[in-house]
Amino acid sequence: MPRGQFEACDALGLSFFTTMRKVILPQAFRMMIPPLASYAVAIMKDTSLASVVAMDDLLKQATDAQALFANPTPLLLAALIYIAILWPMVRFTGWLEQHYKRGYR
């Protein structure tokens, strides 16, 4: 936050905790929530890449099951699980970005 925010609150006689609670933190949350939500979605998507590096995750387990049974169903189920988890997260992230771009109403 710009230093002027603190100076304005100091000029109004607000305490540090009131300044943080009513002025600084609402602005900070408004700026940081959409990027954090986008980062969470990106991390979730990147977990499928971790199976290439040999971490056991959903995709690695599905690939092993597919190889064992010679059946593509585990891979399809893993894809559906990823979609079921990521679709709401992506929609929520889009809503957050739109909500905080407009400001509070």
PDB file of N, CA and C in Angstrom:
ATOM      1  N   MET A   1       0.833  -1.175   0.000  1.00  0.00           N
ATOM      2  CA  MET A   1       0.000   0.000   0.000  1.00  0.00           C
ATOM      3  C   MET A   1       0.887   1.252   0.000  1.00  0.00           C
ATOM      4  N   PRO A   2       0.422   2.278  -0.652  1.00  0.00           N
ATOM      5  CA  PRO A   2       1.209   3.521  -0.639  1.00  0.00           C
ATOM      6  C   PRO A   2       1.331   4.091   0.783  1.00  0.00           C
ATOM      7  N   ARG A   3       2.432   4.738   1.036  1.00  0.00           N
ATOM      8  CA  ARG A   3       2.681   5.317   2.357  1.00  0.00           C
ATOM      9  C   ARG A   3       1.622   6.364   2.702  1.00  0.00           C
ATOM     10  N   GLY A   4       1.048   6.993   1.694  1.00  0.00           N
ATOM     11  CA  GLY A   4       0.022   8.001   1.930  1.00  0.00           C
ATOM     12  C   GLY A   4      -1.204   7.459   2.648  1.00  0.00           C
ATOM     13  N   GLN A   5      -1.488   6.164   2.485  1.00  0.00           N
ATOM     14  CA  GLN A   5      -2.618   5.553   3.193  1.00  0.00           C
ATOM     15  C   GLN A   5      -2.384   5.608   4.705  1.00  0.00           C
ATOM     16  N   PHE A   6      -1.177   5.251   5.107  1.00  0.00           N
ATOM     17  CA  PHE A   6      -0.843   5.286   6.537  1.00  0.00           C
ATOM     18  C   PHE A   6      -0.842   6.725   7.050  1.00  0.00           C
ATOM     19  N   GLU A   7      -0.287   7.625   6.261  1.00  0.00           N
ATOM     20  CA  GLU A   7      -0.223   9.029   6.678  1.00  0.00           C
ATOM     21  C   GLU A   7      -1.615   9.631   6.810  1.00  0.00           C
ATOM     22  N   ALA A   8      -2.524   9.289   5.897  1.00  0.00           N
ATOM     23  CA  ALA A   8      -3.896   9.806   5.975  1.00  0.00           C
ATOM     24  C   ALA A   8      -4.594   9.288   7.233  1.00  0.00           C
ATOM     25  N   CYS A   9      -4.399   8.010   7.533  1.00  0.00           N
ATOM     26  CA  CYS A   9      -5.007   7.443   8.736  1.00  0.00           C
ATOM     27  C   CYS A   9      -4.412   8.056   9.996  1.00  0.00           C
ATOM     28  N   ASP A  10      -3.116   8.327   9.953  1.00  0.00           N
ATOM     29  CA  ASP A  10      -2.462   8.961  11.090  1.00  0.00           C
ATOM     30  C   ASP A  10      -3.001  10.378  11.277  1.00  0.00           C
ATOM     31  N   ALA A  11      -3.239  11.082  10.164  1.00  0.00           N
ATOM     32  CA  ALA A  11      -3.782  12.434  10.240  1.00  0.00           C
ATOM     33  C   ALA A  11      -5.207  12.435  10.797  1.00  0.00           C
ATOM     34  N   LEU A  12      -5.950  11.362  10.535  1.00  0.00           N
ATOM     35  CA  LEU A  12      -7.303  11.249  11.076  1.00  0.00           C
ATOM     36  C   LEU A  12      -7.324  10.783  12.526  1.00  0.00           C
ATOM     37  N   GLY A  13      -6.164  10.381  13.032  1.00  0.00           N
ATOM     38  CA  GLY A  13      -6.080   9.963  14.425  1.00  0.00           C
ATOM     39  C   GLY A  13      -6.464   8.516  14.641  1.00  0.00           C
ATOM     40  N   LEU A  14      -6.430   7.688  13.589  1.00  0.00           N
ATOM     41  CA  LEU A  14      -6.766   6.275  13.735  1.00  0.00           C
ATOM     42  C   LEU A  14      -5.581   5.521  14.320  1.00  0.00           C
ATOM     43  N   SER A  15      -5.888   4.539  15.148  1.00  0.00           N
ATOM     44  CA  SER A  15      -4.818   3.718  15.713  1.00  0.00           C
ATOM     45  C   SER A  15      -4.276   2.782  14.632  1.00  0.00           C
ATOM     46  N   PHE A  16      -3.137   2.168  14.926  1.00  0.00           N
ATOM     47  CA  PHE A  16      -2.523   1.258  13.958  1.00  0.00           C
ATOM     48  C   PHE A  16      -3.454   0.098  13.623  1.00  0.00           C
ATOM     49  N   PHE A  17      -4.085  -0.489  14.647  1.00  0.00           N
ATOM     50  CA  PHE A  17      -4.959  -1.636  14.421  1.00  0.00           C
ATOM     51  C   PHE A  17      -6.209  -1.243  13.652  1.00  0.00           C
ATOM     52  N   THR A  18      -6.763  -0.075  13.923  1.00  0.00           N
ATOM     53  CA  THR A  18      -7.917   0.402  13.159  1.00  0.00           C
ATOM     54  C   THR A  18      -7.515   0.679  11.716  1.00  0.00           C
ATOM     55  N   THR A  19      -6.340   1.252  11.530  1.00  0.00           N
ATOM     56  CA  THR A  19      -5.840   1.510  10.177  1.00  0.00           C
ATOM     57  C   THR A  19      -5.706   0.209   9.406  1.00  0.00           C
ATOM     58  N   MET A  20      -5.113  -0.789  10.033  1.00  0.00           N
ATOM     59  CA  MET A  20      -4.933  -2.070   9.351  1.00  0.00           C
ATOM     60  C   MET A  20      -6.269  -2.738   9.054  1.00  0.00           C
ATOM     61  N   ARG A  21      -7.185  -2.718  10.029  1.00  0.00           N
ATOM     62  CA  ARG A  21      -8.454  -3.436   9.887  1.00  0.00           C
ATOM     63  C   ARG A  21      -9.393  -2.768   8.905  1.00  0.00           C
ATOM     64  N   LYS A  22      -9.438  -1.445   8.885  1.00  0.00           N
ATOM     65  CA  LYS A  22     -10.449  -0.754   8.087  1.00  0.00           C
ATOM     66  C   LYS A  22      -9.932  -0.143   6.786  1.00  0.00           C
ATOM     67  N   VAL A  23      -8.614   0.033   6.663  1.00  0.00           N
ATOM     68  CA  VAL A  23      -8.092   0.704   5.469  1.00  0.00           C
ATOM     69  C   VAL A  23      -7.141  -0.195   4.683  1.00  0.00           C
ATOM     70  N   ILE A  24      -6.105  -0.677   5.331  1.00  0.00           N
ATOM     71  CA  ILE A  24      -5.031  -1.364   4.629  1.00  0.00           C
ATOM     72  C   ILE A  24      -5.430  -2.786   4.223  1.00  0.00           C
ATOM     73  N   LEU A  25      -5.912  -3.593   5.152  1.00  0.00           N
ATOM     74  CA  LEU A  25      -6.216  -4.990   4.839  1.00  0.00           C
ATOM     75  C   LEU A  25      -7.323  -5.160   3.794  1.00  0.00           C
ATOM     76  N   PRO A  26      -8.410  -4.373   3.814  1.00  0.00           N
ATOM     77  CA  PRO A  26      -9.382  -4.538   2.724  1.00  0.00           C
ATOM     78  C   PRO A  26      -8.786  -4.285   1.340  1.00  0.00           C
ATOM     79  N   GLN A  27      -7.905  -3.305   1.238  1.00  0.00           N
ATOM     80  CA  GLN A  27      -7.263  -3.045  -0.046  1.00  0.00           C
ATOM     81  C   GLN A  27      -6.290  -4.162  -0.409  1.00  0.00           C
ATOM     82  N   ALA A  28      -5.570  -4.653   0.576  1.00  0.00           N
ATOM     83  CA  ALA A  28      -4.605  -5.717   0.316  1.00  0.00           C
ATOM     84  C   ALA A  28      -5.318  -6.999  -0.120  1.00  0.00           C
ATOM     85  N   PHE A  29      -6.409  -7.357   0.563  1.00  0.00           N
ATOM     86  CA  PHE A  29      -7.161  -8.547   0.174  1.00  0.00           C
ATOM     87  C   PHE A  29      -7.722  -8.397  -1.228  1.00  0.00           C
ATOM     88  N   ARG A  30      -8.179  -7.216  -1.530  1.00  0.00           N
ATOM     89  CA  ARG A  30      -8.737  -6.970  -2.864  1.00  0.00           C
ATOM     90  C   ARG A  30      -7.695  -7.209  -3.942  1.00  0.00           C
ATOM     91  N   MET A  31      -6.441  -6.883  -3.645  1.00  0.00           N
ATOM     92  CA  MET A  31      -5.379  -7.047  -4.633  1.00  0.00           C
ATOM     93  C   MET A  31      -4.809  -8.469  -4.658  1.00  0.00           C
ATOM     94  N   MET A  32      -4.833  -9.196  -3.543  1.00  0.00           N
ATOM     95  CA  MET A  32      -4.113 -10.470  -3.508  1.00  0.00           C
ATOM     96  C   MET A  32      -4.982 -11.699  -3.705  1.00  0.00           C
ATOM     97  N   ILE A  33      -6.278 -11.629  -3.483  1.00  0.00           N
ATOM     98  CA  ILE A  33      -7.106 -12.830  -3.577  1.00  0.00           C
ATOM     99  C   ILE A  33      -7.177 -13.387  -5.000  1.00  0.00           C
ATOM    100  N   PRO A  34      -7.434 -12.605  -6.034  1.00  0.00           N
ATOM    101  CA  PRO A  34      -7.468 -13.210  -7.379  1.00  0.00           C
ATOM    102  C   PRO A  34      -6.159 -13.872  -7.812  1.00  0.00           C
ATOM    103  N   PRO A  35      -4.983 -13.252  -7.593  1.00  0.00           N
ATOM    104  CA  PRO A  35      -3.767 -13.970  -7.984  1.00  0.00           C
ATOM    105  C   PRO A  35      -3.527 -15.242  -7.173  1.00  0.00           C
ATOM    106  N   LEU A  36      -3.879 -15.230  -5.895  1.00  0.00           N
ATOM    107  CA  LEU A  36      -3.711 -16.437  -5.087  1.00  0.00           C
ATOM    108  C   LEU A  36      -4.628 -17.558  -5.563  1.00  0.00           C
ATOM    109  N   ALA A  37      -5.856 -17.209  -5.943  1.00  0.00           N
ATOM    110  CA  ALA A  37      -6.777 -18.220  -6.454  1.00  0.00           C
ATOM    111  C   ALA A  37      -6.270 -18.778  -7.783  1.00  0.00           C
ATOM    112  N   SER A  38      -5.753 -17.923  -8.641  1.00  0.00           N
ATOM    113  CA  SER A  38      -5.193 -18.392  -9.910  1.00  0.00           C
ATOM    114  C   SER A  38      -3.994 -19.297  -9.667  1.00  0.00           C
ATOM    115  N   TYR A  39      -3.181 -18.958  -8.691  1.00  0.00           N
ATOM    116  CA  TYR A  39      -2.020 -19.770  -8.357  1.00  0.00           C
ATOM    117  C   TYR A  39      -2.449 -21.140  -7.842  1.00  0.00           C
ATOM    118  N   ALA A  40      -3.515 -21.188  -7.059  1.00  0.00           N
ATOM    119  CA  ALA A  40      -4.012 -22.472  -6.549  1.00  0.00           C
ATOM    120  C   ALA A  40      -4.474 -23.357  -7.693  1.00  0.00           C
ATOM    121  N   VAL A  41      -5.153 -22.772  -8.682  1.00  0.00           N
ATOM    122  CA  VAL A  41      -5.589 -23.539  -9.850  1.00  0.00           C
ATOM    123  C   VAL A  41      -4.376 -24.042 -10.628  1.00  0.00           C
ATOM    124  N   ALA A  42      -3.368 -23.203 -10.799  1.00  0.00           N
ATOM    125  CA  ALA A  42      -2.165 -23.611 -11.531  1.00  0.00           C
ATOM    126  C   ALA A  42      -1.442 -24.746 -10.818  1.00  0.00           C
ATOM    127  N   ILE A  43      -1.382 -24.696  -9.500  1.00  0.00           N
ATOM    128  CA  ILE A  43      -0.740 -25.779  -8.743  1.00  0.00           C
ATOM    129  C   ILE A  43      -1.511 -27.075  -8.932  1.00  0.00           C
ATOM    130  N   MET A  44      -2.830 -26.987  -8.907  1.00  0.00           N
ATOM    131  CA  MET A  44      -3.638 -28.196  -9.085  1.00  0.00           C
ATOM    132  C   MET A  44      -3.418 -28.792 -10.468  1.00  0.00           C
ATOM    133  N   LYS A  45      -3.319 -27.940 -11.473  1.00  0.00           N
ATOM    134  CA  LYS A  45      -3.079 -28.438 -12.828  1.00  0.00           C
ATOM    135  C   LYS A  45      -1.685 -29.034 -12.961  1.00  0.00           C
ATOM    136  N   ASP A  46      -0.722 -28.489 -12.269  1.00  0.00           N
ATOM    137  CA  ASP A  46       0.654 -28.959 -12.379  1.00  0.00           C
ATOM    138  C   ASP A  46       0.897 -30.274 -11.643  1.00  0.00           C
ATOM    139  N   THR A  47      -0.036 -30.709 -10.814  1.00  0.00           N
ATOM    140  CA  THR A  47       0.170 -31.986 -10.131  1.00  0.00           C
ATOM    141  C   THR A  47       0.197 -33.139 -11.119  1.00  0.00           C
ATOM    142  N   SER A  48      -0.489 -32.997 -12.252  1.00  0.00           N
ATOM    143  CA  SER A  48      -0.432 -34.066 -13.245  1.00  0.00           C
ATOM    144  C   SER A  48       0.958 -34.156 -13.859  1.00  0.00           C
ATOM    145  N   LEU A  49       1.683 -33.045 -13.917  1.00  0.00           N
ATOM    146  CA  LEU A  49       3.051 -33.082 -14.420  1.00  0.00           C
ATOM    147  C   LEU A  49       3.995 -33.755 -13.435  1.00  0.00           C
ATOM    148  N   ALA A  50       3.631 -33.748 -12.168  1.00  0.00           N
ATOM    149  CA  ALA A  50       4.491 -34.359 -11.153  1.00  0.00           C
ATOM    150  C   ALA A  50       4.594 -35.861 -11.351  1.00  0.00           C
ATOM    151  N   SER A  51       3.601 -36.467 -11.971  1.00  0.00           N
ATOM    152  CA  SER A  51       3.663 -37.916 -12.195  1.00  0.00           C
ATOM    153  C   SER A  51       4.785 -38.274 -13.159  1.00  0.00           C
ATOM    154  N   VAL A  52       5.145 -37.348 -14.033  1.00  0.00           N
ATOM    155  CA  VAL A  52       6.254 -37.594 -14.955  1.00  0.00           C
ATOM    156  C   VAL A  52       7.568 -37.646 -14.186  1.00  0.00           C
ATOM    157  N   VAL A  53       7.661 -36.897 -13.099  1.00  0.00           N
ATOM    158  CA  VAL A  53       8.877 -36.847 -12.299  1.00  0.00           C
ATOM    159  C   VAL A  53       8.904 -37.981 -11.272  1.00  0.00           C
ATOM    160  N   ALA A  54       7.895 -38.817 -11.275  1.00  0.00           N
ATOM    161  CA  ALA A  54       7.806 -40.030 -10.458  1.00  0.00           C
ATOM    162  C   ALA A  54       7.145 -39.815  -9.104  1.00  0.00           C
ATOM    163  N   MET A  55       6.442 -38.732  -8.899  1.00  0.00           N
ATOM    164  CA  MET A  55       5.639 -38.605  -7.681  1.00  0.00           C
ATOM    165  C   MET A  55       4.340 -39.383  -7.872  1.00  0.00           C
ATOM    166  N   ASP A  56       3.914 -40.061  -6.851  1.00  0.00           N
ATOM    167  CA  ASP A  56       2.662 -40.802  -6.952  1.00  0.00           C
ATOM    168  C   ASP A  56       1.496 -39.848  -6.716  1.00  0.00           C
ATOM    169  N   ASP A  57       0.777 -39.578  -7.763  1.00  0.00           N
ATOM    170  CA  ASP A  57      -0.432 -38.770  -7.645  1.00  0.00           C
ATOM    171  C   ASP A  57      -1.533 -39.487  -8.411  1.00  0.00           C
ATOM    172  N   LEU A  58      -2.613 -38.797  -8.635  1.00  0.00           N
ATOM    173  CA  LEU A  58      -3.775 -39.400  -9.275  1.00  0.00           C
ATOM    174  C   LEU A  58      -3.446 -39.924 -10.669  1.00  0.00           C
ATOM    175  N   LEU A  59      -2.761 -39.133 -11.474  1.00  0.00           N
ATOM    176  CA  LEU A  59      -2.458 -39.560 -12.837  1.00  0.00           C
ATOM    177  C   LEU A  59      -1.495 -40.754 -12.850  1.00  0.00           C
ATOM    178  N   LYS A  60      -0.510 -40.760 -11.975  1.00  0.00           N
ATOM    179  CA  LYS A  60       0.426 -41.879 -11.910  1.00  0.00           C
ATOM    180  C   LYS A  60      -0.293 -43.163 -11.521  1.00  0.00           C
ATOM    181  N   GLN A  61      -1.178 -43.074 -10.542  1.00  0.00           N
ATOM    182  CA  GLN A  61      -1.928 -44.256 -10.115  1.00  0.00           C
ATOM    183  C   GLN A  61      -2.841 -44.754 -11.234  1.00  0.00           C
ATOM    184  N   ALA A  62      -3.467 -43.823 -11.957  1.00  0.00           N
ATOM    185  CA  ALA A  62      -4.346 -44.206 -13.058  1.00  0.00           C
ATOM    186  C   ALA A  62      -3.560 -44.852 -14.191  1.00  0.00           C
ATOM    187  N   THR A  63      -2.365 -44.338 -14.475  1.00  0.00           N
ATOM    188  CA  THR A  63      -1.523 -44.920 -15.516  1.00  0.00           C
ATOM    189  C   THR A  63      -1.087 -46.334 -15.129  1.00  0.00           C
ATOM    190  N   ASP A  64      -0.725 -46.519 -13.858  1.00  0.00           N
ATOM    191  CA  ASP A  64      -0.338 -47.853 -13.395  1.00  0.00           C
ATOM    192  C   ASP A  64      -1.513 -48.824 -13.486  1.00  0.00           C
ATOM    193  N   ALA A  65      -2.704 -48.387 -13.106  1.00  0.00           N
ATOM    194  CA  ALA A  65      -3.880 -49.252 -13.176  1.00  0.00           C
ATOM    195  C   ALA A  65      -4.229 -49.572 -14.628  1.00  0.00           C
ATOM    196  N   GLN A  66      -4.073 -48.604 -15.510  1.00  0.00           N
ATOM    197  CA  GLN A  66      -4.351 -48.822 -16.927  1.00  0.00           C
ATOM    198  C   GLN A  66      -3.373 -49.836 -17.500  1.00  0.00           C
ATOM    199  N   ALA A  67      -2.111 -49.746 -17.120  1.00  0.00           N
ATOM    200  CA  ALA A  67      -1.117 -50.693 -17.619  1.00  0.00           C
ATOM    201  C   ALA A  67      -1.365 -52.094 -17.063  1.00  0.00           C
ATOM    202  N   LEU A  68      -1.812 -52.179 -15.831  1.00  0.00           N
ATOM    203  CA  LEU A  68      -2.045 -53.471 -15.199  1.00  0.00           C
ATOM    204  C   LEU A  68      -3.230 -54.204 -15.828  1.00  0.00           C
ATOM    205  N   PHE A  69      -4.301 -53.466 -16.074  1.00  0.00           N
ATOM    206  CA  PHE A  69      -5.526 -54.092 -16.574  1.00  0.00           C
ATOM    207  C   PHE A  69      -5.719 -53.940 -18.078  1.00  0.00           C
ATOM    208  N   ALA A  70      -4.864 -53.190 -18.760  1.00  0.00           N
ATOM    209  CA  ALA A  70      -4.995 -52.941 -20.198  1.00  0.00           C
ATOM    210  C   ALA A  70      -6.382 -52.382 -20.522  1.00  0.00           C
ATOM    211  N   ASN A  71      -6.787 -51.425 -19.702  1.00  0.00           N
ATOM    212  CA  ASN A  71      -8.114 -50.836 -19.829  1.00  0.00           C
ATOM    213  C   ASN A  71      -7.963 -49.328 -19.626  1.00  0.00           C
ATOM    214  N   PRO A  72      -8.489 -48.505 -20.547  1.00  0.00           N
ATOM    215  CA  PRO A  72      -8.318 -47.055 -20.406  1.00  0.00           C
ATOM    216  C   PRO A  72      -9.254 -46.409 -19.382  1.00  0.00           C
ATOM    217  N   THR A  73     -10.120 -47.164 -18.753  1.00  0.00           N
ATOM    218  CA  THR A  73     -11.088 -46.601 -17.815  1.00  0.00           C
ATOM    219  C   THR A  73     -10.439 -45.836 -16.665  1.00  0.00           C
ATOM    220  N   PRO A  74      -9.355 -46.322 -16.039  1.00  0.00           N
ATOM    221  CA  PRO A  74      -8.748 -45.541 -14.952  1.00  0.00           C
ATOM    222  C   PRO A  74      -8.271 -44.160 -15.404  1.00  0.00           C
ATOM    223  N   LEU A  75      -7.740 -44.076 -16.616  1.00  0.00           N
ATOM    224  CA  LEU A  75      -7.307 -42.763 -17.114  1.00  0.00           C
ATOM    225  C   LEU A  75      -8.491 -41.838 -17.336  1.00  0.00           C
ATOM    226  N   LEU A  76      -9.579 -42.384 -17.840  1.00  0.00           N
ATOM    227  CA  LEU A  76     -10.784 -41.566 -18.032  1.00  0.00           C
ATOM    228  C   LEU A  76     -11.340 -41.096 -16.694  1.00  0.00           C
ATOM    229  N   LEU A  77     -11.331 -41.979 -15.708  1.00  0.00           N
ATOM    230  CA  LEU A  77     -11.808 -41.588 -14.380  1.00  0.00           C
ATOM    231  C   LEU A  77     -10.902 -40.521 -13.765  1.00  0.00           C
ATOM    232  N   ALA A  78      -9.591 -40.651 -13.958  1.00  0.00           N
ATOM    233  CA  ALA A  78      -8.666 -39.635 -13.443  1.00  0.00           C
ATOM    234  C   ALA A  78      -8.934 -38.291 -14.113  1.00  0.00           C
ATOM    235  N   ALA A  79      -9.188 -38.299 -15.413  1.00  0.00           N
ATOM    236  CA  ALA A  79      -9.500 -37.056 -16.120  1.00  0.00           C
ATOM    237  C   ALA A  79     -10.789 -36.440 -15.591  1.00  0.00           C
ATOM    238  N   LEU A  80     -11.780 -37.265 -15.342  1.00  0.00           N
ATOM    239  CA  LEU A  80     -13.048 -36.751 -14.803  1.00  0.00           C
ATOM    240  C   LEU A  80     -12.865 -36.179 -13.395  1.00  0.00           C
ATOM    241  N   ILE A  81     -12.003 -36.801 -12.599  1.00  0.00           N
ATOM    242  CA  ILE A  81     -11.748 -36.273 -11.252  1.00  0.00           C
ATOM    243  C   ILE A  81     -11.056 -34.923 -11.339  1.00  0.00           C
ATOM    244  N   TYR A  82     -10.053 -34.813 -12.248  1.00  0.00           N
ATOM    245  CA  TYR A  82      -9.389 -33.523 -12.429  1.00  0.00           C
ATOM    246  C   TYR A  82     -10.384 -32.459 -12.880  1.00  0.00           C
ATOM    247  N   ILE A  83     -11.257 -32.800 -13.803  1.00  0.00           N
ATOM    248  CA  ILE A  83     -12.256 -31.837 -14.270  1.00  0.00           C
ATOM    249  C   ILE A  83     -13.202 -31.460 -13.139  1.00  0.00           C
ATOM    250  N   ALA A  84     -13.624 -32.444 -12.356  1.00  0.00           N
ATOM    251  CA  ALA A  84     -14.546 -32.169 -11.250  1.00  0.00           C
ATOM    252  C   ALA A  84     -13.922 -31.250 -10.201  1.00  0.00           C
ATOM    253  N   ILE A  85     -12.613 -31.358 -10.029  1.00  0.00           N
ATOM    254  CA  ILE A  85     -11.944 -30.504  -9.046  1.00  0.00           C
ATOM    255  C   ILE A  85     -11.624 -29.135  -9.637  1.00  0.00           C
ATOM    256  N   LEU A  86     -11.115 -29.123 -10.870  1.00  0.00           N
ATOM    257  CA  LEU A  86     -10.626 -27.867 -11.451  1.00  0.00           C
ATOM    258  C   LEU A  86     -11.729 -26.963 -11.990  1.00  0.00           C
ATOM    259  N   TRP A  87     -12.789 -27.521 -12.527  1.00  0.00           N
ATOM    260  CA  TRP A  87     -13.830 -26.670 -13.121  1.00  0.00           C
ATOM    261  C   TRP A  87     -14.415 -25.681 -12.104  1.00  0.00           C
ATOM    262  N   PRO A  88     -14.831 -26.138 -10.910  1.00  0.00           N
ATOM    263  CA  PRO A  88     -15.332 -25.155  -9.944  1.00  0.00           C
ATOM    264  C   PRO A  88     -14.263 -24.155  -9.504  1.00  0.00           C
ATOM    265  N   MET A  89     -13.010 -24.618  -9.397  1.00  0.00           N
ATOM    266  CA  MET A  89     -11.944 -23.693  -8.991  1.00  0.00           C
ATOM    267  C   MET A  89     -11.719 -22.617 -10.048  1.00  0.00           C
ATOM    268  N   VAL A  90     -11.749 -23.003 -11.314  1.00  0.00           N
ATOM    269  CA  VAL A  90     -11.559 -22.033 -12.390  1.00  0.00           C
ATOM    270  C   VAL A  90     -12.727 -21.052 -12.430  1.00  0.00           C
ATOM    271  N   ARG A  91     -13.932 -21.547 -12.277  1.00  0.00           N
ATOM    272  CA  ARG A  91     -15.110 -20.666 -12.271  1.00  0.00           C
ATOM    273  C   ARG A  91     -15.055 -19.689 -11.087  1.00  0.00           C
ATOM    274  N   PHE A  92     -14.681 -20.209  -9.918  1.00  0.00           N
ATOM    275  CA  PHE A  92     -14.592 -19.368  -8.725  1.00  0.00           C
ATOM    276  C   PHE A  92     -13.501 -18.316  -8.893  1.00  0.00           C
ATOM    277  N   THR A  93     -12.383 -18.696  -9.485  1.00  0.00           N
ATOM    278  CA  THR A  93     -11.306 -17.744  -9.729  1.00  0.00           C
ATOM    279  C   THR A  93     -11.750 -16.648 -10.686  1.00  0.00           C
ATOM    280  N   GLY A  94     -12.450 -17.033 -11.742  1.00  0.00           N
ATOM    281  CA  GLY A  94     -12.983 -16.036 -12.674  1.00  0.00           C
ATOM    282  C   GLY A  94     -13.952 -15.091 -11.989  1.00  0.00           C
ATOM    283  N   TRP A  95     -14.799 -15.641 -11.107  1.00  0.00           N
ATOM    284  CA  TRP A  95     -15.746 -14.792 -10.382  1.00  0.00           C
ATOM    285  C   TRP A  95     -15.002 -13.832  -9.462  1.00  0.00           C
ATOM    286  N   LEU A  96     -13.977 -14.346  -8.766  1.00  0.00           N
ATOM    287  CA  LEU A  96     -13.202 -13.482  -7.870  1.00  0.00           C
ATOM    288  C   LEU A  96     -12.541 -12.342  -8.639  1.00  0.00           C
ATOM    289  N   GLU A  97     -11.956 -12.662  -9.793  1.00  0.00           N
ATOM    290  CA  GLU A  97     -11.291 -11.624 -10.572  1.00  0.00           C
ATOM    291  C   GLU A  97     -12.281 -10.565 -11.035  1.00  0.00           C
ATOM    292  N   GLN A  98     -13.461 -10.994 -11.472  1.00  0.00           N
ATOM    293  CA  GLN A  98     -14.473 -10.023 -11.887  1.00  0.00           C
ATOM    294  C   GLN A  98     -14.982  -9.208 -10.705  1.00  0.00           C
ATOM    295  N   HIS A  99     -15.189  -9.882  -9.579  1.00  0.00           N
ATOM    296  CA  HIS A  99     -15.718  -9.206  -8.389  1.00  0.00           C
ATOM    297  C   HIS A  99     -14.744  -8.139  -7.887  1.00  0.00           C
ATOM    298  N   TYR A 100     -13.465  -8.486  -7.806  1.00  0.00           N
ATOM    299  CA  TYR A 100     -12.496  -7.545  -7.266  1.00  0.00           C
ATOM    300  C   TYR A 100     -12.028  -6.529  -8.301  1.00  0.00           C
ATOM    301  N   LYS A 101     -12.275  -6.795  -9.585  1.00  0.00           N
ATOM    302  CA  LYS A 101     -11.958  -5.796 -10.601  1.00  0.00           C
ATOM    303  C   LYS A 101     -12.960  -4.637 -10.509  1.00  0.00           C
ATOM    304  N   ARG A 102     -14.219  -4.958 -10.244  1.00  0.00           N
ATOM    305  CA  ARG A 102     -15.261  -3.946 -10.127  1.00  0.00           C
ATOM    306  C   ARG A 102     -15.173  -3.187  -8.811  1.00  0.00           C
ATOM    307  N   GLY A 103     -14.763  -3.880  -7.789  1.00  0.00           N
ATOM    308  CA  GLY A 103     -14.771  -3.282  -6.457  1.00  0.00           C
ATOM    309  C   GLY A 103     -15.983  -3.770  -5.686  1.00  0.00           C
ATOM    310  N   TYR A 104     -16.085  -3.337  -4.477  1.00  0.00           N
ATOM    311  CA  TYR A 104     -17.207  -3.744  -3.634  1.00  0.00           C
ATOM    312  C   TYR A 104     -18.436  -2.966  -4.003  1.00  0.00           C
ATOM    313  N   ARG A 105     -19.594  -3.635  -3.907  1.00  0.00           N
ATOM    314  CA  ARG A 105     -20.868  -2.949  -4.166  1.00  0.00           C
ATOM    315  C   ARG A 105     -21.787  -3.099  -3.003  1.00  0.00           C
TER     316      ARG A 105
END
